[in-house]
N, C-alpha and C. Protein backbone atom coordinates (compact mmCIF):
# COMPACT_ATOMS: atom_id res chain seq x y z
N MET A 1 35.38 19.06 -2.06
CA MET A 1 34.80 18.78 -3.36
C MET A 1 35.58 19.50 -4.47
N HIS A 2 35.93 20.75 -4.22
CA HIS A 2 36.67 21.51 -5.23
C HIS A 2 38.07 20.97 -5.40
N LEU A 3 38.68 20.48 -4.31
CA LEU A 3 40.01 19.89 -4.40
C LEU A 3 39.98 18.64 -5.28
N MET A 4 38.98 17.80 -5.08
CA MET A 4 38.86 16.59 -5.89
C MET A 4 38.58 16.94 -7.35
N TYR A 5 37.82 17.99 -7.55
CA TYR A 5 37.51 18.43 -8.91
C TYR A 5 38.78 18.90 -9.61
N GLY A 6 39.67 19.57 -8.84
CA GLY A 6 40.94 20.00 -9.41
C GLY A 6 41.87 18.83 -9.69
N LEU A 7 41.92 17.86 -8.75
CA LEU A 7 42.76 16.68 -8.97
C LEU A 7 42.30 15.89 -10.18
N ALA A 8 40.98 15.92 -10.45
CA ALA A 8 40.43 15.20 -11.59
C ALA A 8 40.51 16.03 -12.87
N GLN A 9 41.12 17.23 -12.79
CA GLN A 9 41.30 18.09 -13.97
C GLN A 9 39.96 18.43 -14.64
N GLY A 10 38.98 18.75 -13.78
CA GLY A 10 37.70 19.19 -14.31
C GLY A 10 36.77 18.09 -14.75
N ASN A 11 37.09 16.85 -14.44
CA ASN A 11 36.22 15.72 -14.79
C ASN A 11 35.35 15.41 -13.57
N ALA A 12 34.06 15.73 -13.67
CA ALA A 12 33.18 15.58 -12.51
C ALA A 12 33.02 14.12 -12.10
N THR A 13 32.95 13.21 -13.06
CA THR A 13 32.81 11.79 -12.74
C THR A 13 34.01 11.28 -11.99
N GLU A 14 35.21 11.66 -12.44
CA GLU A 14 36.43 11.24 -11.75
C GLU A 14 36.53 11.91 -10.39
N ALA A 15 36.09 13.16 -10.28
CA ALA A 15 36.10 13.85 -9.00
C ALA A 15 35.20 13.15 -8.00
N ARG A 16 34.07 12.69 -8.47
CA ARG A 16 33.14 11.97 -7.58
C ARG A 16 33.75 10.66 -7.10
N ARG A 17 34.50 9.98 -7.98
CA ARG A 17 35.15 8.73 -7.59
C ARG A 17 36.24 8.99 -6.56
N LEU A 18 37.04 10.04 -6.75
CA LEU A 18 38.08 10.39 -5.79
C LEU A 18 37.47 10.80 -4.45
N TYR A 19 36.36 11.49 -4.51
CA TYR A 19 35.69 11.91 -3.27
C TYR A 19 35.20 10.69 -2.49
N THR A 20 34.69 9.69 -3.21
CA THR A 20 34.22 8.46 -2.56
C THR A 20 35.37 7.73 -1.88
N GLN A 21 36.52 7.69 -2.53
CA GLN A 21 37.67 7.03 -1.94
C GLN A 21 38.20 7.78 -0.72
N SER A 22 38.18 9.11 -0.77
CA SER A 22 38.72 9.92 0.32
C SER A 22 37.79 9.99 1.51
N PHE A 23 36.46 9.97 1.24
CA PHE A 23 35.47 10.08 2.32
C PHE A 23 34.45 8.96 2.17
N PRO A 24 34.82 7.72 2.48
CA PRO A 24 33.92 6.58 2.25
C PRO A 24 32.67 6.60 3.13
N ASN A 25 32.70 7.32 4.25
CA ASN A 25 31.57 7.32 5.17
C ASN A 25 30.68 8.54 5.00
N ARG A 26 30.92 9.35 4.01
CA ARG A 26 30.14 10.57 3.82
C ARG A 26 29.24 10.43 2.60
N TYR A 27 28.19 11.27 2.60
CA TYR A 27 27.30 11.30 1.43
C TYR A 27 28.09 11.78 0.21
N VAL A 28 27.90 11.11 -0.93
CA VAL A 28 28.61 11.46 -2.16
C VAL A 28 27.70 12.30 -3.05
N PRO A 29 28.01 13.58 -3.25
CA PRO A 29 27.17 14.43 -4.11
C PRO A 29 27.21 13.95 -5.56
N GLY A 30 26.26 14.41 -6.33
CA GLY A 30 26.22 14.06 -7.75
C GLY A 30 27.23 14.85 -8.57
N ARG A 31 27.35 14.47 -9.83
CA ARG A 31 28.30 15.13 -10.73
C ARG A 31 28.04 16.63 -10.81
N GLN A 32 26.75 16.99 -10.88
CA GLN A 32 26.40 18.39 -11.05
C GLN A 32 26.87 19.23 -9.87
N SER A 33 26.90 18.65 -8.69
CA SER A 33 27.33 19.40 -7.50
C SER A 33 28.79 19.79 -7.60
N PHE A 34 29.64 18.90 -8.10
CA PHE A 34 31.06 19.24 -8.26
C PHE A 34 31.23 20.36 -9.28
N GLU A 35 30.49 20.30 -10.36
CA GLU A 35 30.58 21.35 -11.37
C GLU A 35 30.05 22.67 -10.83
N ASN A 36 28.98 22.61 -10.02
CA ASN A 36 28.43 23.84 -9.45
C ASN A 36 29.40 24.51 -8.49
N VAL A 37 30.14 23.71 -7.72
CA VAL A 37 31.12 24.28 -6.79
C VAL A 37 32.19 25.05 -7.56
N ASP A 38 32.72 24.44 -8.60
CA ASP A 38 33.75 25.10 -9.39
C ASP A 38 33.22 26.36 -10.08
N ARG A 39 32.03 26.28 -10.63
CA ARG A 39 31.45 27.43 -11.31
C ARG A 39 31.17 28.57 -10.34
N THR A 40 30.69 28.23 -9.16
CA THR A 40 30.37 29.27 -8.16
C THR A 40 31.63 29.98 -7.70
N LEU A 41 32.69 29.24 -7.44
CA LEU A 41 33.94 29.86 -7.01
C LEU A 41 34.54 30.74 -8.11
N ARG A 42 34.43 30.32 -9.35
CA ARG A 42 34.98 31.13 -10.46
C ARG A 42 34.18 32.41 -10.66
N GLU A 43 32.86 32.34 -10.53
CA GLU A 43 32.03 33.51 -10.81
C GLU A 43 31.93 34.48 -9.64
N PHE A 44 31.93 33.96 -8.40
CA PHE A 44 31.66 34.82 -7.25
C PHE A 44 32.82 34.86 -6.25
N GLY A 45 33.79 33.92 -6.39
CA GLY A 45 34.88 33.91 -5.44
C GLY A 45 34.50 33.40 -4.08
N THR A 46 33.32 32.86 -3.93
CA THR A 46 32.82 32.33 -2.67
C THR A 46 31.78 31.27 -2.98
N LEU A 47 31.55 30.39 -2.01
CA LEU A 47 30.54 29.36 -2.19
C LEU A 47 29.15 29.89 -1.91
N LYS A 48 29.02 31.08 -1.32
CA LYS A 48 27.72 31.67 -1.05
C LYS A 48 27.27 32.47 -2.26
N LYS A 49 26.68 31.78 -3.22
CA LYS A 49 26.21 32.41 -4.43
C LYS A 49 25.00 33.29 -4.16
N ARG A 50 24.91 34.42 -4.82
CA ARG A 50 23.82 35.36 -4.62
C ARG A 50 22.87 35.29 -5.82
N THR A 51 21.59 35.31 -5.53
CA THR A 51 20.59 35.27 -6.59
C THR A 51 20.40 36.65 -7.17
N SER A 52 19.54 36.76 -8.19
CA SER A 52 19.29 38.05 -8.83
C SER A 52 18.62 39.03 -7.88
N GLU A 53 17.91 38.53 -6.84
CA GLU A 53 17.28 39.42 -5.88
C GLU A 53 18.25 39.89 -4.82
N GLY A 54 19.49 39.39 -4.85
CA GLY A 54 20.48 39.83 -3.89
C GLY A 54 20.52 39.01 -2.62
N ARG A 55 19.69 37.95 -2.51
CA ARG A 55 19.68 37.14 -1.32
C ARG A 55 20.66 35.99 -1.49
N PRO A 56 21.50 35.72 -0.50
CA PRO A 56 22.49 34.64 -0.63
C PRO A 56 21.82 33.27 -0.62
N ARG A 57 22.23 32.42 -1.53
CA ARG A 57 21.74 31.06 -1.54
C ARG A 57 22.51 30.25 -0.52
N VAL A 58 22.00 29.08 -0.19
CA VAL A 58 22.67 28.23 0.77
C VAL A 58 24.00 27.77 0.17
N ASP A 59 25.04 27.74 0.99
CA ASP A 59 26.35 27.36 0.49
C ASP A 59 26.40 25.85 0.29
N VAL A 60 27.38 25.41 -0.47
CA VAL A 60 27.49 24.00 -0.85
C VAL A 60 27.76 23.13 0.37
N VAL A 61 28.52 23.64 1.33
CA VAL A 61 28.83 22.85 2.52
C VAL A 61 27.55 22.55 3.30
N THR A 62 26.70 23.57 3.46
CA THR A 62 25.44 23.35 4.16
C THR A 62 24.56 22.39 3.39
N GLU A 63 24.52 22.52 2.07
CA GLU A 63 23.72 21.61 1.26
C GLU A 63 24.20 20.18 1.41
N GLU A 64 25.51 20.00 1.47
CA GLU A 64 26.05 18.66 1.64
C GLU A 64 25.70 18.12 3.03
N ASP A 65 25.70 18.98 4.06
CA ASP A 65 25.34 18.53 5.40
C ASP A 65 23.88 18.07 5.45
N VAL A 66 23.00 18.80 4.76
CA VAL A 66 21.58 18.43 4.73
C VAL A 66 21.41 17.07 4.06
N LEU A 67 22.05 16.90 2.91
CA LEU A 67 21.93 15.63 2.19
C LEU A 67 22.52 14.48 2.99
N GLU A 68 23.59 14.76 3.73
CA GLU A 68 24.21 13.71 4.54
C GLU A 68 23.29 13.29 5.68
N GLN A 69 22.55 14.25 6.24
CA GLN A 69 21.61 13.92 7.31
C GLN A 69 20.53 12.95 6.81
N PHE A 70 19.99 13.20 5.62
CA PHE A 70 18.96 12.32 5.09
C PHE A 70 19.54 11.03 4.54
N GLU A 71 20.81 11.05 4.15
CA GLU A 71 21.47 9.82 3.72
C GLU A 71 21.70 8.91 4.92
N ARG A 72 22.05 9.49 6.06
CA ARG A 72 22.28 8.72 7.27
C ARG A 72 20.98 8.18 7.84
N ASN A 73 19.93 8.99 7.80
CA ASN A 73 18.64 8.59 8.34
C ASN A 73 17.53 9.08 7.41
N PRO A 74 17.13 8.28 6.42
CA PRO A 74 16.12 8.72 5.45
C PRO A 74 14.77 9.04 6.08
N ALA A 75 14.49 8.54 7.29
CA ALA A 75 13.20 8.77 7.92
C ALA A 75 13.21 9.97 8.86
N THR A 76 14.29 10.73 8.86
CA THR A 76 14.35 11.89 9.74
C THR A 76 13.39 12.98 9.28
N SER A 77 13.12 13.94 10.12
CA SER A 77 12.15 14.99 9.82
C SER A 77 12.83 16.30 9.49
N PHE A 78 12.09 17.19 8.81
CA PHE A 78 12.60 18.52 8.51
C PHE A 78 12.94 19.27 9.80
N ARG A 79 12.10 19.10 10.82
CA ARG A 79 12.30 19.81 12.08
C ARG A 79 13.62 19.41 12.72
N THR A 80 13.92 18.11 12.70
CA THR A 80 15.16 17.63 13.32
C THR A 80 16.38 18.16 12.58
N VAL A 81 16.37 18.06 11.25
CA VAL A 81 17.52 18.53 10.46
C VAL A 81 17.66 20.03 10.58
N SER A 82 16.56 20.75 10.60
CA SER A 82 16.61 22.21 10.74
C SER A 82 17.23 22.61 12.07
N TYR A 83 16.91 21.87 13.13
CA TYR A 83 17.46 22.19 14.46
C TYR A 83 18.95 21.87 14.52
N GLU A 84 19.35 20.72 13.96
CA GLU A 84 20.75 20.29 14.07
C GLU A 84 21.69 21.13 13.20
N ILE A 85 21.22 21.55 12.01
CA ILE A 85 22.09 22.28 11.10
C ILE A 85 21.90 23.79 11.24
N GLY A 86 20.71 24.21 11.64
CA GLY A 86 20.46 25.63 11.82
C GLY A 86 20.03 26.36 10.56
N VAL A 87 19.24 25.68 9.72
CA VAL A 87 18.72 26.32 8.50
C VAL A 87 17.20 26.16 8.51
N PRO A 88 16.48 27.06 7.83
CA PRO A 88 15.02 26.96 7.81
C PRO A 88 14.55 25.69 7.11
N LYS A 89 13.34 25.25 7.47
CA LYS A 89 12.77 24.05 6.85
C LYS A 89 12.51 24.27 5.37
N SER A 90 12.19 25.51 4.98
CA SER A 90 11.98 25.79 3.56
C SER A 90 13.26 25.60 2.76
N THR A 91 14.39 25.93 3.37
CA THR A 91 15.68 25.74 2.69
C THR A 91 15.98 24.26 2.52
N ILE A 92 15.65 23.46 3.53
CA ILE A 92 15.87 22.02 3.43
C ILE A 92 15.02 21.43 2.31
N TRP A 93 13.77 21.87 2.22
CA TRP A 93 12.89 21.38 1.14
C TRP A 93 13.47 21.76 -0.23
N ASP A 94 14.01 22.96 -0.35
CA ASP A 94 14.58 23.40 -1.62
C ASP A 94 15.80 22.57 -1.98
N ILE A 95 16.62 22.25 -0.98
CA ILE A 95 17.82 21.44 -1.25
C ILE A 95 17.43 20.04 -1.72
N LEU A 96 16.49 19.43 -1.06
CA LEU A 96 16.06 18.09 -1.44
C LEU A 96 15.42 18.08 -2.83
N SER A 97 14.65 19.11 -3.14
CA SER A 97 13.99 19.19 -4.45
C SER A 97 15.02 19.35 -5.55
N ARG A 98 16.01 20.19 -5.34
CA ARG A 98 17.02 20.41 -6.37
C ARG A 98 17.90 19.19 -6.58
N ASN A 99 17.94 18.30 -5.61
CA ASN A 99 18.71 17.06 -5.74
C ASN A 99 17.81 15.87 -6.06
N SER A 100 16.58 16.17 -6.54
CA SER A 100 15.64 15.14 -7.01
C SER A 100 15.30 14.12 -5.94
N MET A 101 15.16 14.58 -4.70
CA MET A 101 14.75 13.71 -3.61
C MET A 101 13.32 14.05 -3.22
N TYR A 102 12.48 13.03 -3.08
CA TYR A 102 11.06 13.22 -2.77
C TYR A 102 10.66 12.28 -1.65
N PRO A 103 9.66 12.63 -0.87
CA PRO A 103 9.20 11.74 0.21
C PRO A 103 8.34 10.62 -0.34
N TYR A 104 8.60 9.41 0.09
CA TYR A 104 7.83 8.25 -0.33
C TYR A 104 7.24 7.58 0.91
N HIS A 105 6.01 7.10 0.77
CA HIS A 105 5.34 6.45 1.88
C HIS A 105 5.98 5.09 2.16
N VAL A 106 6.04 4.73 3.42
CA VAL A 106 6.54 3.43 3.83
C VAL A 106 5.44 2.40 3.64
N GLN A 107 5.79 1.28 3.04
CA GLN A 107 4.82 0.22 2.78
C GLN A 107 4.89 -0.84 3.87
N ARG A 108 3.72 -1.28 4.31
CA ARG A 108 3.65 -2.36 5.29
C ARG A 108 3.63 -3.70 4.56
N VAL A 109 4.50 -4.59 4.93
CA VAL A 109 4.59 -5.90 4.29
C VAL A 109 4.59 -6.98 5.36
N GLN A 110 4.36 -8.21 4.93
CA GLN A 110 4.32 -9.34 5.84
C GLN A 110 5.72 -9.63 6.38
N SER A 111 5.81 -9.80 7.68
CA SER A 111 7.09 -10.17 8.29
C SER A 111 7.39 -11.63 8.01
N LEU A 112 8.62 -11.92 7.60
CA LEU A 112 9.01 -13.28 7.24
C LEU A 112 10.16 -13.75 8.11
N SER A 113 10.16 -15.03 8.45
CA SER A 113 11.28 -15.63 9.16
C SER A 113 12.28 -16.17 8.13
N VAL A 114 13.40 -16.63 8.62
CA VAL A 114 14.44 -17.12 7.70
C VAL A 114 13.94 -18.32 6.90
N ALA A 115 13.17 -19.19 7.53
CA ALA A 115 12.70 -20.41 6.86
C ALA A 115 11.63 -20.11 5.81
N ASP A 116 10.98 -18.95 5.89
CA ASP A 116 9.88 -18.66 4.98
C ASP A 116 10.36 -18.44 3.54
N TYR A 117 11.57 -17.95 3.35
CA TYR A 117 12.03 -17.61 2.00
C TYR A 117 12.16 -18.86 1.12
N SER A 118 12.75 -19.92 1.66
CA SER A 118 12.90 -21.14 0.86
C SER A 118 11.54 -21.77 0.59
N LEU A 119 10.62 -21.72 1.57
CA LEU A 119 9.29 -22.27 1.37
C LEU A 119 8.53 -21.51 0.30
N ARG A 120 8.65 -20.21 0.30
CA ARG A 120 7.97 -19.41 -0.73
C ARG A 120 8.56 -19.67 -2.11
N LEU A 121 9.86 -19.86 -2.15
CA LEU A 121 10.48 -20.17 -3.44
C LEU A 121 9.99 -21.51 -3.96
N GLN A 122 9.87 -22.48 -3.11
CA GLN A 122 9.36 -23.79 -3.51
C GLN A 122 7.91 -23.68 -4.00
N PHE A 123 7.12 -22.89 -3.29
CA PHE A 123 5.73 -22.73 -3.69
C PHE A 123 5.62 -22.05 -5.06
N CYS A 124 6.44 -21.03 -5.30
CA CYS A 124 6.42 -20.35 -6.61
C CYS A 124 6.82 -21.31 -7.73
N GLN A 125 7.80 -22.15 -7.46
CA GLN A 125 8.21 -23.13 -8.47
C GLN A 125 7.08 -24.13 -8.73
N TRP A 126 6.37 -24.52 -7.67
CA TRP A 126 5.26 -25.46 -7.83
C TRP A 126 4.13 -24.82 -8.63
N VAL A 127 3.82 -23.55 -8.35
CA VAL A 127 2.77 -22.85 -9.10
C VAL A 127 3.15 -22.73 -10.56
N ASP A 128 4.43 -22.49 -10.83
CA ASP A 128 4.88 -22.38 -12.22
C ASP A 128 4.68 -23.71 -12.96
N GLU A 129 4.80 -24.82 -12.25
CA GLU A 129 4.61 -26.13 -12.87
C GLU A 129 3.13 -26.51 -12.97
N ASN A 130 2.26 -25.79 -12.26
CA ASN A 130 0.81 -26.06 -12.28
C ASN A 130 0.08 -24.76 -12.64
N PRO A 131 0.07 -24.40 -13.91
CA PRO A 131 -0.46 -23.09 -14.32
C PRO A 131 -1.95 -22.90 -14.06
N TYR A 132 -2.70 -23.98 -13.92
CA TYR A 132 -4.14 -23.86 -13.71
C TYR A 132 -4.51 -23.69 -12.23
N PHE A 133 -3.52 -23.74 -11.37
CA PHE A 133 -3.79 -23.64 -9.94
C PHE A 133 -4.41 -22.28 -9.59
N CYS A 134 -3.86 -21.20 -10.12
CA CYS A 134 -4.34 -19.85 -9.78
C CYS A 134 -5.77 -19.61 -10.27
N GLU A 135 -6.17 -20.30 -11.34
CA GLU A 135 -7.52 -20.12 -11.86
C GLU A 135 -8.58 -20.72 -10.95
N ASN A 136 -8.17 -21.56 -10.00
CA ASN A 136 -9.11 -22.19 -9.09
C ASN A 136 -9.10 -21.57 -7.69
N ILE A 137 -8.43 -20.44 -7.56
CA ILE A 137 -8.40 -19.74 -6.27
C ILE A 137 -9.54 -18.74 -6.23
N LEU A 138 -10.28 -18.74 -5.16
CA LEU A 138 -11.37 -17.80 -4.96
C LEU A 138 -10.86 -16.63 -4.11
N PHE A 139 -10.71 -15.47 -4.74
CA PHE A 139 -10.30 -14.27 -4.02
C PHE A 139 -11.57 -13.51 -3.59
N THR A 140 -11.64 -13.14 -2.33
CA THR A 140 -12.83 -12.47 -1.82
C THR A 140 -12.44 -11.21 -1.05
N ASP A 141 -13.41 -10.33 -0.91
CA ASP A 141 -13.22 -9.13 -0.12
C ASP A 141 -14.59 -8.59 0.27
N GLU A 142 -14.63 -7.86 1.36
CA GLU A 142 -15.87 -7.24 1.82
C GLU A 142 -15.60 -5.77 2.09
N VAL A 143 -16.64 -4.97 1.97
CA VAL A 143 -16.54 -3.55 2.28
C VAL A 143 -17.86 -3.09 2.88
N GLY A 144 -17.77 -2.20 3.84
CA GLY A 144 -18.97 -1.69 4.49
C GLY A 144 -19.35 -0.32 3.98
N PHE A 145 -20.65 -0.09 3.81
CA PHE A 145 -21.17 1.21 3.37
C PHE A 145 -22.10 1.75 4.45
N VAL A 146 -21.98 3.04 4.72
CA VAL A 146 -22.85 3.71 5.68
C VAL A 146 -23.48 4.92 5.02
N LYS A 147 -24.47 5.47 5.66
CA LYS A 147 -25.20 6.60 5.08
C LYS A 147 -24.32 7.83 4.94
N ASN A 148 -23.43 8.06 5.89
CA ASN A 148 -22.58 9.25 5.84
C ASN A 148 -21.49 9.12 4.80
N GLY A 149 -21.06 7.90 4.50
CA GLY A 149 -19.99 7.72 3.53
C GLY A 149 -18.67 8.25 4.06
N ILE A 150 -17.74 8.46 3.16
CA ILE A 150 -16.43 9.01 3.49
C ILE A 150 -16.27 10.33 2.75
N PHE A 151 -15.97 11.38 3.48
CA PHE A 151 -15.96 12.72 2.88
C PHE A 151 -14.69 13.45 3.27
N ASN A 152 -14.09 14.14 2.32
CA ASN A 152 -12.87 14.90 2.55
C ASN A 152 -13.19 16.39 2.46
N TYR A 153 -13.34 17.04 3.61
CA TYR A 153 -13.68 18.45 3.62
C TYR A 153 -12.52 19.34 3.18
N HIS A 154 -11.31 18.80 3.22
CA HIS A 154 -10.15 19.61 2.83
C HIS A 154 -10.22 20.04 1.37
N ASN A 155 -10.83 19.21 0.53
CA ASN A 155 -10.90 19.52 -0.90
C ASN A 155 -12.23 20.14 -1.32
N LEU A 156 -13.09 20.48 -0.36
CA LEU A 156 -14.41 21.03 -0.68
C LEU A 156 -14.41 22.54 -0.51
N HIS A 157 -14.68 23.26 -1.59
CA HIS A 157 -14.74 24.72 -1.54
C HIS A 157 -15.90 25.20 -2.41
N GLU A 158 -16.37 26.39 -2.12
CA GLU A 158 -17.35 27.07 -2.97
C GLU A 158 -16.84 28.49 -3.21
N TRP A 159 -16.53 28.79 -4.48
CA TRP A 159 -16.00 30.10 -4.83
C TRP A 159 -17.15 31.11 -4.93
N ALA A 160 -16.97 32.24 -4.28
CA ALA A 160 -18.01 33.26 -4.29
C ALA A 160 -17.40 34.60 -3.86
N LEU A 161 -18.11 35.69 -4.17
CA LEU A 161 -17.66 37.01 -3.74
C LEU A 161 -17.88 37.21 -2.25
N GLU A 162 -18.92 36.57 -1.71
CA GLU A 162 -19.19 36.62 -0.30
C GLU A 162 -19.40 35.20 0.22
N ASN A 163 -19.29 35.04 1.52
CA ASN A 163 -19.44 33.72 2.12
C ASN A 163 -20.85 33.19 1.89
N PRO A 164 -21.02 32.10 1.12
CA PRO A 164 -22.37 31.59 0.83
C PRO A 164 -22.97 30.81 2.00
N LYS A 165 -22.22 30.63 3.07
CA LYS A 165 -22.70 29.87 4.23
C LYS A 165 -23.12 28.46 3.82
N ALA A 166 -22.34 27.87 2.96
CA ALA A 166 -22.66 26.52 2.46
C ALA A 166 -22.55 25.50 3.58
N ILE A 167 -23.43 24.53 3.57
CA ILE A 167 -23.44 23.49 4.59
C ILE A 167 -23.47 22.12 3.93
N ASP A 168 -23.08 21.13 4.69
CA ASP A 168 -23.17 19.73 4.25
C ASP A 168 -23.71 18.94 5.44
N GLN A 169 -24.88 18.39 5.28
CA GLN A 169 -25.53 17.71 6.39
C GLN A 169 -24.91 16.33 6.62
N ARG A 170 -24.51 16.11 7.86
CA ARG A 170 -23.90 14.85 8.26
C ARG A 170 -24.50 14.39 9.59
N ARG A 171 -24.08 13.20 10.03
CA ARG A 171 -24.52 12.65 11.31
C ARG A 171 -26.05 12.61 11.40
N HIS A 172 -26.67 11.98 10.44
CA HIS A 172 -28.12 11.85 10.43
C HIS A 172 -28.59 11.02 11.62
N GLN A 173 -29.76 11.33 12.10
CA GLN A 173 -30.32 10.57 13.21
C GLN A 173 -30.70 9.15 12.79
N GLN A 174 -31.14 9.01 11.54
CA GLN A 174 -31.47 7.69 11.03
C GLN A 174 -30.28 7.16 10.23
N GLN A 175 -29.68 6.11 10.74
CA GLN A 175 -28.48 5.56 10.13
C GLN A 175 -28.77 4.18 9.54
N PHE A 176 -27.94 3.78 8.59
CA PHE A 176 -28.00 2.42 8.07
C PHE A 176 -26.60 2.02 7.63
N SER A 177 -26.35 0.76 7.59
CA SER A 177 -25.07 0.23 7.13
C SER A 177 -25.31 -1.05 6.36
N CYS A 178 -24.40 -1.33 5.45
CA CYS A 178 -24.53 -2.52 4.61
C CYS A 178 -23.14 -3.02 4.25
N THR A 179 -22.94 -4.31 4.37
CA THR A 179 -21.67 -4.92 4.00
C THR A 179 -21.86 -5.72 2.71
N VAL A 180 -20.99 -5.49 1.75
CA VAL A 180 -21.08 -6.14 0.44
C VAL A 180 -19.89 -7.08 0.27
N TRP A 181 -20.18 -8.32 -0.08
CA TRP A 181 -19.16 -9.33 -0.33
C TRP A 181 -19.09 -9.61 -1.82
N VAL A 182 -17.88 -9.71 -2.36
CA VAL A 182 -17.67 -10.03 -3.78
C VAL A 182 -16.50 -10.99 -3.88
N GLY A 183 -16.62 -11.96 -4.78
CA GLY A 183 -15.54 -12.90 -5.01
C GLY A 183 -15.10 -12.89 -6.47
N LEU A 184 -13.90 -13.37 -6.70
CA LEU A 184 -13.34 -13.45 -8.05
C LEU A 184 -12.58 -14.76 -8.17
N ILE A 185 -12.97 -15.57 -9.17
CA ILE A 185 -12.28 -16.82 -9.42
C ILE A 185 -12.05 -16.93 -10.92
N GLY A 186 -10.79 -17.08 -11.32
CA GLY A 186 -10.46 -17.04 -12.74
C GLY A 186 -10.84 -15.70 -13.32
N ASP A 187 -11.72 -15.69 -14.34
CA ASP A 187 -12.22 -14.44 -14.91
C ASP A 187 -13.71 -14.25 -14.60
N ALA A 188 -14.21 -14.97 -13.60
CA ALA A 188 -15.63 -14.90 -13.25
C ALA A 188 -15.82 -14.12 -11.96
N LEU A 189 -16.80 -13.22 -11.96
CA LEU A 189 -17.14 -12.44 -10.78
C LEU A 189 -18.22 -13.17 -9.99
N ILE A 190 -17.98 -13.38 -8.71
CA ILE A 190 -18.91 -14.09 -7.84
C ILE A 190 -19.62 -13.07 -6.95
N GLY A 191 -20.93 -13.05 -7.01
CA GLY A 191 -21.68 -12.10 -6.18
C GLY A 191 -22.18 -10.92 -7.01
N PRO A 192 -22.51 -9.82 -6.35
CA PRO A 192 -22.24 -9.51 -4.94
C PRO A 192 -23.30 -10.08 -4.01
N TYR A 193 -22.90 -10.22 -2.74
CA TYR A 193 -23.81 -10.66 -1.70
C TYR A 193 -23.90 -9.56 -0.65
N PHE A 194 -25.13 -9.20 -0.24
CA PHE A 194 -25.35 -8.11 0.70
C PHE A 194 -25.72 -8.67 2.07
N PHE A 195 -24.94 -8.31 3.05
CA PHE A 195 -25.26 -8.65 4.44
C PHE A 195 -26.13 -7.54 5.01
N GLU A 196 -27.33 -7.86 5.36
CA GLU A 196 -28.26 -6.86 5.89
C GLU A 196 -27.97 -6.51 7.34
N GLU A 197 -27.21 -7.36 8.02
CA GLU A 197 -26.84 -7.08 9.41
C GLU A 197 -25.33 -7.07 9.54
N ARG A 198 -24.85 -6.60 10.67
CA ARG A 198 -23.40 -6.54 10.87
C ARG A 198 -22.79 -7.93 10.76
N VAL A 199 -21.68 -8.02 10.02
CA VAL A 199 -21.06 -9.32 9.78
C VAL A 199 -20.39 -9.82 11.05
N ASN A 200 -20.67 -11.08 11.37
CA ASN A 200 -19.99 -11.75 12.48
C ASN A 200 -19.69 -13.18 12.06
N GLY A 201 -19.13 -13.94 12.96
CA GLY A 201 -18.74 -15.29 12.61
C GLY A 201 -19.90 -16.17 12.22
N GLN A 202 -21.04 -16.00 12.89
CA GLN A 202 -22.18 -16.89 12.65
C GLN A 202 -22.81 -16.65 11.28
N ASN A 203 -23.13 -15.38 10.96
CA ASN A 203 -23.78 -15.16 9.66
C ASN A 203 -22.81 -15.31 8.50
N TYR A 204 -21.51 -15.15 8.75
CA TYR A 204 -20.56 -15.37 7.66
C TYR A 204 -20.44 -16.85 7.34
N VAL A 205 -20.41 -17.69 8.38
CA VAL A 205 -20.38 -19.14 8.15
C VAL A 205 -21.66 -19.58 7.46
N ARG A 206 -22.80 -19.00 7.85
CA ARG A 206 -24.06 -19.35 7.21
C ARG A 206 -24.05 -19.00 5.73
N PHE A 207 -23.45 -17.86 5.40
CA PHE A 207 -23.34 -17.49 3.99
C PHE A 207 -22.45 -18.48 3.23
N LEU A 208 -21.31 -18.86 3.82
CA LEU A 208 -20.41 -19.79 3.14
C LEU A 208 -21.10 -21.14 2.90
N ARG A 209 -21.93 -21.56 3.82
CA ARG A 209 -22.58 -22.86 3.69
C ARG A 209 -23.81 -22.82 2.79
N GLU A 210 -24.56 -21.72 2.83
CA GLU A 210 -25.84 -21.68 2.13
C GLU A 210 -25.82 -20.81 0.87
N GLY A 211 -25.09 -19.72 0.89
CA GLY A 211 -25.15 -18.80 -0.24
C GLY A 211 -24.02 -18.93 -1.24
N LEU A 212 -22.81 -19.26 -0.79
CA LEU A 212 -21.66 -19.30 -1.68
C LEU A 212 -21.82 -20.37 -2.74
N GLY A 213 -22.34 -21.54 -2.37
CA GLY A 213 -22.51 -22.63 -3.35
C GLY A 213 -23.41 -22.22 -4.50
N THR A 214 -24.49 -21.48 -4.19
CA THR A 214 -25.40 -21.02 -5.25
C THR A 214 -24.71 -20.05 -6.19
N PHE A 215 -23.91 -19.15 -5.63
CA PHE A 215 -23.19 -18.19 -6.46
C PHE A 215 -22.21 -18.90 -7.39
N LEU A 216 -21.51 -19.91 -6.86
CA LEU A 216 -20.53 -20.63 -7.66
C LEU A 216 -21.21 -21.38 -8.81
N LYS A 217 -22.38 -21.96 -8.55
CA LYS A 217 -23.08 -22.72 -9.61
C LYS A 217 -23.58 -21.80 -10.72
N THR A 218 -24.04 -20.63 -10.35
CA THR A 218 -24.60 -19.72 -11.36
C THR A 218 -23.54 -18.89 -12.10
N SER A 219 -22.34 -18.77 -11.52
CA SER A 219 -21.29 -17.92 -12.11
C SER A 219 -20.27 -18.70 -12.91
N LEU A 220 -20.09 -19.99 -12.62
CA LEU A 220 -19.06 -20.77 -13.29
C LEU A 220 -19.64 -21.66 -14.37
């Protein structure tokens, strides 16, 4: 990195371009990394820069190895990289944070075949030519409610000088559950409809035949 920075006569952007040409299969650090390497060597004569507390910071080569590991496999774990490179997991987190890298959740999406893409494109073009089509679609969803609800104990605390022995009663002997159905068509809300018993194929079909028509007449 420092060699490329010298060949570029102190131009970090040009140094990054030269580095990409020389090492096409390696992770390419940002402009700031090239400038930091030059500054560290000028001030300390070594890549192991020391902080004000006297503890050595991770050297640039190790930082580049960490970034290359995540560039090669973005789904790798801190434990794996820590074992392969030999640095603490806290150091890896610090390197990723300083390089503006954050963990993002993987999203689950519908799997598509090759033929699906052209069909979806045709459908989108048809919808664009028929703007009132979406206003006639009935979007529905159901959700179940129980007496215990959903509770996150990780975020529940009671601040006190002594342990207040606080409790939260759960797992009641008398239980109940309720499923609520709601629909949306255009800008009109359909429902809600309450299923007093567990939803199955029979009572759901009965609702579609007997109850949905009434909701549509009164809501539209």
